[in-house]
Amino acid sequence: MEGLRQTLEAMRMTMLDQTKTIAELTSQLSIARASKQMNRGKRFAPTTEQRDLLNNRSTDSRADEKDGFDGNPPFGSPPASSGEPKKKTVTKKSKKKSEGRKPPK
């Protein structure tokens, strides 16, 4: 009977220790969840680099130039030295013998 009481007391002490550990872990978890909620704005906010890029309102003039390009160089620019279009050489197709003859009179 005495051994049973000692075993019961040891189990009770173990249960108390486990209850304390659970309480500590629960408080740590609630603190972690609270800090996660508090830092949500920082985690999903744009970085300073992104913010600077978005606030850069200067227009890209090169893109406008490309949009307005009609194939001719802009007025006042030097002519292209090697970029001139080459003329196509047209090869004459040979006609069939029957196509090139004049009809008989």
Protein backbone atom coordinates (compact mmCIF):
# COMPACT_ATOMS: atom_id res chain seq x y z
CA MET A 1 0.00 0.00 0.00
CA GLU A 2 2.86 2.36 0.80
CA GLY A 3 4.48 1.69 -2.60
CA LEU A 4 1.20 2.54 -4.30
CA ARG A 5 1.05 5.92 -2.50
CA GLN A 6 4.64 6.72 -3.54
CA THR A 7 3.85 5.86 -7.16
CA LEU A 8 0.69 7.99 -7.02
CA GLU A 9 2.62 10.94 -5.52
CA ALA A 10 5.32 10.65 -8.21
CA MET A 11 2.66 10.65 -10.92
CA ARG A 12 1.01 13.70 -9.37
CA MET A 13 4.35 15.57 -9.31
CA THR A 14 4.97 14.62 -12.93
CA MET A 15 1.50 15.89 -13.87
CA LEU A 16 2.17 19.21 -12.09
CA ASP A 17 5.50 19.62 -13.89
CA GLN A 18 3.87 18.89 -17.23
CA THR A 19 1.05 21.35 -16.47
CA LYS A 20 3.62 24.07 -15.72
CA THR A 21 5.50 23.29 -18.94
CA ILE A 22 2.26 23.44 -20.92
CA ALA A 23 1.37 26.80 -19.33
CA GLU A 24 4.80 28.22 -20.18
CA LEU A 25 4.62 27.01 -23.76
CA THR A 26 1.10 28.38 -24.14
CA SER A 27 2.22 31.81 -22.96
CA GLN A 28 5.21 31.73 -25.34
CA LEU A 29 2.90 30.76 -28.18
CA SER A 30 0.46 33.57 -27.43
CA ILE A 31 3.35 36.07 -27.33
CA ALA A 32 4.64 34.75 -30.65
CA ARG A 33 1.19 35.00 -32.23
CA ALA A 34 0.75 38.54 -30.92
CA SER A 35 4.11 39.65 -32.30
CA LYS A 36 3.26 38.01 -35.61
CA GLN A 37 0.03 40.01 -35.77
CA MET A 38 1.87 43.17 -34.78
CA ASN A 39 4.52 42.73 -37.46
CA ARG A 40 2.08 41.84 -40.23
CA GLY A 41 2.25 45.38 -41.62
CA LYS A 42 6.01 45.27 -41.81
CA ARG A 43 6.08 41.87 -43.47
CA PHE A 44 3.64 42.78 -46.24
CA ALA A 45 4.60 46.43 -46.70
CA PRO A 46 6.68 47.34 -49.76
CA THR A 47 10.37 47.72 -49.17
CA THR A 48 12.00 51.13 -49.44
CA GLU A 49 13.43 50.18 -52.82
CA GLN A 50 9.99 49.24 -54.12
CA ARG A 51 8.51 52.42 -52.66
CA ASP A 52 11.22 54.54 -54.31
CA LEU A 53 10.63 52.85 -57.66
CA LEU A 54 6.89 53.37 -57.43
CA ASN A 55 7.30 57.03 -56.47
CA ASN A 56 9.63 57.68 -59.40
CA ARG A 57 7.24 59.55 -61.66
CA SER A 58 9.72 60.51 -64.37
CA THR A 59 8.61 59.29 -67.75
CA ASP A 60 10.67 56.97 -69.86
CA SER A 61 11.36 59.10 -72.92
CA ARG A 62 13.08 56.24 -74.74
CA ALA A 63 9.87 54.22 -74.70
CA ASP A 64 8.02 57.21 -76.16
CA GLU A 65 10.63 57.49 -78.90
CA LYS A 66 10.22 53.83 -79.74
CA ASP A 67 6.44 54.17 -79.86
CA GLY A 68 6.65 57.10 -82.26
CA PHE A 69 9.22 55.54 -84.58
CA ASP A 70 8.03 55.45 -88.19
CA GLY A 71 11.16 54.00 -89.80
CA ASN A 72 12.86 57.29 -90.62
CA PRO A 73 15.69 58.72 -88.52
CA PRO A 74 14.77 61.79 -86.48
CA PHE A 75 15.33 65.19 -88.11
CA GLY A 76 18.86 66.49 -87.62
CA SER A 77 20.41 63.16 -86.72
CA PRO A 78 23.44 61.93 -88.70
CA PRO A 79 22.68 59.35 -91.37
CA ALA A 80 23.26 55.74 -90.48
CA SER A 81 26.60 54.54 -91.82
CA SER A 82 26.13 50.80 -92.01
CA GLY A 83 22.46 50.50 -91.21
CA GLU A 84 21.18 51.64 -94.61
CA PRO A 85 18.68 49.25 -96.09
CA LYS A 86 19.97 47.13 -98.90
CA LYS A 87 18.14 47.09 -102.19
CA LYS A 88 16.60 43.81 -103.11
CA THR A 89 17.84 42.26 -106.28
CA VAL A 90 15.00 40.89 -108.30
CA THR A 91 15.81 37.84 -110.31
CA LYS A 92 13.95 37.38 -113.51
CA LYS A 93 12.06 34.14 -113.74
CA SER A 94 12.64 32.21 -116.89
CA LYS A 95 9.51 31.68 -118.87
CA LYS A 96 8.44 28.38 -120.20
CA LYS A 97 8.90 27.96 -123.91
CA SER A 98 5.20 28.02 -124.50
CA GLU A 99 4.72 31.28 -122.54
CA GLY A 100 7.30 33.34 -124.44
CA ARG A 101 6.14 32.58 -127.98
CA LYS A 102 3.95 34.77 -130.00
CA PRO A 103 0.80 33.20 -131.22
CA PRO A 104 0.90 32.22 -134.90
CA LYS A 105 -0.84 34.51 -137.37
